[in-house]
N, C-alpha and C. Protein backbone atom coordinates (compact mmCIF):
# COMPACT_ATOMS: atom_id res chain seq x y z
N MET A 1 0.83 -1.19 0.00
CA MET A 1 0.00 0.00 0.00
C MET A 1 0.87 1.25 0.00
N SER A 2 0.46 2.22 -0.73
CA SER A 2 1.20 3.49 -0.74
C SER A 2 0.79 4.35 0.46
N ARG A 3 1.59 5.36 0.72
CA ARG A 3 1.32 6.21 1.88
C ARG A 3 0.00 6.97 1.76
N GLY A 4 -0.38 7.36 0.55
CA GLY A 4 -1.63 8.08 0.38
C GLY A 4 -2.83 7.25 0.77
N ARG A 5 -2.78 5.98 0.43
CA ARG A 5 -3.88 5.09 0.79
C ARG A 5 -3.96 4.88 2.31
N ASN A 6 -2.80 4.81 2.96
CA ASN A 6 -2.79 4.65 4.42
C ASN A 6 -3.45 5.84 5.11
N LYS A 7 -3.23 7.03 4.58
CA LYS A 7 -3.87 8.22 5.17
C LYS A 7 -5.38 8.16 5.01
N LEU A 8 -5.85 7.70 3.85
CA LEU A 8 -7.29 7.58 3.64
C LEU A 8 -7.91 6.54 4.56
N ILE A 9 -7.21 5.44 4.75
CA ILE A 9 -7.72 4.39 5.64
C ILE A 9 -7.76 4.89 7.08
N ALA A 10 -6.75 5.65 7.48
CA ALA A 10 -6.73 6.21 8.84
C ALA A 10 -7.90 7.17 9.04
N LYS A 11 -8.19 7.99 8.02
CA LYS A 11 -9.34 8.91 8.11
C LYS A 11 -10.65 8.13 8.17
N ARG A 12 -10.76 7.08 7.35
CA ARG A 12 -11.97 6.25 7.37
C ARG A 12 -12.16 5.61 8.73
N ASN A 13 -11.08 5.08 9.30
CA ASN A 13 -11.17 4.43 10.61
C ASN A 13 -11.58 5.43 11.69
N ALA A 14 -11.06 6.64 11.63
CA ALA A 14 -11.45 7.67 12.59
C ALA A 14 -12.93 8.03 12.41
N ALA A 15 -13.39 8.08 11.17
CA ALA A 15 -14.80 8.38 10.91
C ALA A 15 -15.70 7.26 11.44
N ILE A 16 -15.29 6.02 11.27
CA ILE A 16 -16.07 4.90 11.80
C ILE A 16 -16.16 5.00 13.31
N TYR A 17 -15.03 5.29 13.95
CA TYR A 17 -15.02 5.41 15.41
C TYR A 17 -15.91 6.55 15.89
N ASN A 18 -15.86 7.69 15.21
CA ASN A 18 -16.69 8.83 15.59
C ASN A 18 -18.17 8.52 15.39
N ARG A 19 -18.52 7.84 14.32
CA ARG A 19 -19.92 7.46 14.09
C ARG A 19 -20.38 6.45 15.14
N TRP A 20 -19.48 5.54 15.52
CA TRP A 20 -19.81 4.58 16.56
C TRP A 20 -20.09 5.30 17.88
N LEU A 21 -19.26 6.28 18.22
CA LEU A 21 -19.50 7.07 19.43
C LEU A 21 -20.82 7.83 19.35
N TYR A 22 -21.09 8.40 18.18
CA TYR A 22 -22.35 9.13 18.00
C TYR A 22 -23.54 8.22 18.26
N TRP A 23 -23.55 7.06 17.62
CA TRP A 23 -24.71 6.17 17.75
C TRP A 23 -24.83 5.59 19.16
N THR A 24 -23.71 5.26 19.80
CA THR A 24 -23.80 4.62 21.12
C THR A 24 -23.97 5.63 22.25
N GLU A 25 -23.27 6.77 22.19
CA GLU A 25 -23.31 7.73 23.27
C GLU A 25 -24.39 8.79 23.12
N THR A 26 -24.51 9.37 21.95
CA THR A 26 -25.47 10.45 21.74
C THR A 26 -26.88 9.91 21.52
N GLN A 27 -27.01 8.94 20.62
CA GLN A 27 -28.32 8.39 20.29
C GLN A 27 -28.73 7.23 21.20
N ARG A 28 -27.79 6.74 22.04
CA ARG A 28 -28.07 5.68 23.02
C ARG A 28 -28.62 4.40 22.39
N ARG A 29 -28.04 4.01 21.26
CA ARG A 29 -28.45 2.78 20.59
C ARG A 29 -27.65 1.60 21.13
N ARG A 30 -28.20 0.40 20.98
CA ARG A 30 -27.51 -0.80 21.43
C ARG A 30 -26.31 -1.09 20.54
N PHE A 31 -25.29 -1.73 21.15
CA PHE A 31 -24.04 -1.98 20.45
C PHE A 31 -24.23 -2.80 19.19
N ASP A 32 -25.01 -3.87 19.26
CA ASP A 32 -25.21 -4.72 18.08
C ASP A 32 -26.01 -3.99 16.99
N ASP A 33 -26.94 -3.14 17.38
CA ASP A 33 -27.68 -2.34 16.40
C ASP A 33 -26.76 -1.35 15.70
N VAL A 34 -25.84 -0.76 16.45
CA VAL A 34 -24.91 0.21 15.88
C VAL A 34 -23.98 -0.48 14.88
N LEU A 35 -23.51 -1.67 15.21
CA LEU A 35 -22.66 -2.40 14.27
C LEU A 35 -23.40 -2.67 12.96
N THR A 36 -24.67 -3.00 13.04
CA THR A 36 -25.46 -3.24 11.84
C THR A 36 -25.62 -1.96 11.03
N ILE A 37 -25.91 -0.85 11.71
CA ILE A 37 -26.06 0.44 11.02
C ILE A 37 -24.77 0.82 10.30
N LEU A 38 -23.65 0.73 11.01
CA LEU A 38 -22.37 1.10 10.41
C LEU A 38 -22.00 0.17 9.26
N SER A 39 -22.33 -1.09 9.41
CA SER A 39 -21.97 -2.07 8.39
C SER A 39 -22.83 -1.97 7.14
N GLU A 40 -24.13 -1.89 7.31
CA GLU A 40 -25.05 -2.00 6.18
C GLU A 40 -25.50 -0.66 5.60
N GLU A 41 -25.45 0.42 6.39
CA GLU A 41 -26.00 1.68 5.92
C GLU A 41 -24.95 2.77 5.70
N GLU A 42 -23.84 2.72 6.44
CA GLU A 42 -22.91 3.84 6.37
C GLU A 42 -21.58 3.52 5.70
N PHE A 43 -20.94 2.41 6.04
CA PHE A 43 -19.59 2.16 5.55
C PHE A 43 -19.45 0.93 4.66
N PHE A 44 -20.41 0.08 4.64
CA PHE A 44 -20.45 -1.10 3.76
C PHE A 44 -19.23 -2.00 3.96
N LEU A 45 -18.88 -2.22 5.21
CA LEU A 45 -17.85 -3.17 5.60
C LEU A 45 -18.51 -4.22 6.47
N SER A 46 -17.85 -5.37 6.65
CA SER A 46 -18.42 -6.41 7.50
C SER A 46 -18.44 -5.94 8.96
N GLU A 47 -19.33 -6.51 9.73
CA GLU A 47 -19.41 -6.15 11.15
C GLU A 47 -18.13 -6.52 11.88
N ASP A 48 -17.50 -7.63 11.48
CA ASP A 48 -16.24 -8.02 12.10
C ASP A 48 -15.15 -6.98 11.85
N ARG A 49 -15.08 -6.47 10.63
CA ARG A 49 -14.06 -5.46 10.31
C ARG A 49 -14.31 -4.17 11.07
N ILE A 50 -15.57 -3.76 11.17
CA ILE A 50 -15.90 -2.54 11.91
C ILE A 50 -15.55 -2.70 13.38
N LEU A 51 -15.85 -3.86 13.95
CA LEU A 51 -15.53 -4.12 15.35
C LEU A 51 -14.01 -4.09 15.57
N ARG A 52 -13.26 -4.64 14.64
CA ARG A 52 -11.80 -4.63 14.72
C ARG A 52 -11.27 -3.19 14.66
N ILE A 53 -11.85 -2.37 13.79
CA ILE A 53 -11.43 -0.97 13.67
C ILE A 53 -11.73 -0.21 14.96
N ILE A 54 -12.90 -0.43 15.54
CA ILE A 54 -13.26 0.24 16.80
C ILE A 54 -12.30 -0.16 17.91
N ARG A 55 -11.98 -1.44 18.00
CA ARG A 55 -11.03 -1.90 19.02
C ARG A 55 -9.66 -1.27 18.83
N ASP A 56 -9.21 -1.21 17.58
CA ASP A 56 -7.90 -0.60 17.29
C ASP A 56 -7.89 0.88 17.67
N GLN A 57 -8.99 1.58 17.39
CA GLN A 57 -9.07 3.01 17.73
C GLN A 57 -9.05 3.21 19.24
N ILE A 58 -9.72 2.33 19.97
CA ILE A 58 -9.73 2.43 21.43
C ILE A 58 -8.33 2.17 21.98
N LYS A 59 -7.65 1.14 21.45
CA LYS A 59 -6.29 0.83 21.90
C LYS A 59 -5.33 1.98 21.59
N ALA A 60 -5.54 2.66 20.48
CA ALA A 60 -4.67 3.77 20.08
C ALA A 60 -4.98 5.04 20.87
N GLY A 61 -6.07 5.05 21.63
CA GLY A 61 -6.42 6.21 22.43
C GLY A 61 -7.06 7.31 21.63
N ALA A 62 -7.99 6.97 20.77
CA ALA A 62 -8.65 7.96 19.91
C ALA A 62 -9.47 8.94 20.75
N ASP A 63 -9.54 10.19 20.26
CA ASP A 63 -10.34 11.22 20.93
C ASP A 63 -11.81 10.94 20.70
N HIS A 64 -12.63 11.39 21.63
CA HIS A 64 -14.07 11.16 21.55
C HIS A 64 -14.75 12.26 20.76
N LEU A 65 -15.59 11.87 19.82
CA LEU A 65 -16.43 12.77 19.04
C LEU A 65 -15.66 13.97 18.49
N GLU A 66 -14.52 13.70 17.94
CA GLU A 66 -13.63 14.75 17.47
C GLU A 66 -14.23 15.57 16.33
N GLU A 67 -14.88 14.92 15.37
CA GLU A 67 -15.36 15.61 14.18
C GLU A 67 -16.82 16.05 14.29
N THR A 68 -17.51 15.68 15.33
CA THR A 68 -18.92 15.99 15.41
C THR A 68 -19.24 17.13 16.37
N LYS A 69 -18.22 17.89 16.77
CA LYS A 69 -18.47 19.02 17.66
C LYS A 69 -19.19 20.12 16.87
N PRO A 70 -20.17 20.79 17.50
CA PRO A 70 -20.88 21.85 16.78
C PRO A 70 -19.98 23.04 16.50
N VAL A 71 -20.20 23.66 15.39
CA VAL A 71 -19.44 24.84 15.00
C VAL A 71 -20.19 26.08 15.47
N SER A 72 -19.50 26.98 16.16
CA SER A 72 -20.17 28.19 16.62
C SER A 72 -20.34 29.16 15.45
N LYS A 73 -21.50 29.82 15.42
CA LYS A 73 -21.81 30.75 14.34
C LYS A 73 -21.53 32.17 14.81
N PRO A 74 -21.11 33.03 13.92
CA PRO A 74 -20.89 34.42 14.32
C PRO A 74 -22.20 35.11 14.68
N SER A 75 -22.11 36.06 15.55
CA SER A 75 -23.28 36.79 16.00
C SER A 75 -23.85 37.66 14.88
N ARG A 76 -25.17 37.78 14.83
CA ARG A 76 -25.84 38.63 13.83
C ARG A 76 -26.28 39.96 14.44
N MET A 77 -25.88 40.18 15.67
CA MET A 77 -26.30 41.40 16.35
C MET A 77 -25.54 42.60 15.83
N THR A 78 -26.22 43.73 15.77
CA THR A 78 -25.56 44.98 15.37
C THR A 78 -24.83 45.55 16.58
N LYS A 79 -24.01 46.56 16.36
CA LYS A 79 -23.27 47.18 17.46
C LYS A 79 -24.23 47.79 18.47
N ALA A 80 -25.33 48.36 18.01
CA ALA A 80 -26.31 48.96 18.92
C ALA A 80 -26.97 47.90 19.78
N GLN A 81 -27.26 46.75 19.20
CA GLN A 81 -27.89 45.66 19.97
C GLN A 81 -26.91 45.08 20.99
N LYS A 82 -25.64 45.00 20.62
CA LYS A 82 -24.65 44.48 21.55
C LYS A 82 -24.48 45.38 22.77
N LYS A 83 -24.67 46.70 22.61
CA LYS A 83 -24.56 47.64 23.72
C LYS A 83 -25.69 47.42 24.74
N LEU A 84 -26.84 46.94 24.25
CA LEU A 84 -27.99 46.73 25.12
C LEU A 84 -27.91 45.44 25.94
N VAL A 85 -27.04 44.53 25.54
CA VAL A 85 -26.92 43.25 26.22
C VAL A 85 -26.19 43.45 27.54
N VAL A 86 -26.78 42.90 28.61
CA VAL A 86 -26.19 43.00 29.94
C VAL A 86 -25.15 41.89 30.07
N LYS A 87 -23.96 42.28 30.51
CA LYS A 87 -22.88 41.29 30.66
C LYS A 87 -22.80 40.80 32.06
């Protein structure tokens, strides 16, 4: 495998891990249901392969929900409106 492919696989594995965290922690779905969702609807890999990727990510100490953090939006308030806000 070339180095470019390894980077893509690492990104895919991180995405699988983040989706697994989303489904298990945020949506509170059962572990076996999440494996089925990831396998059949999102990544099209076998459940065994997805489970192996999740285990590898946990052993490597992957960060939790790294890519799914909400992005803050800039304020739409005018300068006059900002003066009225009590701090």
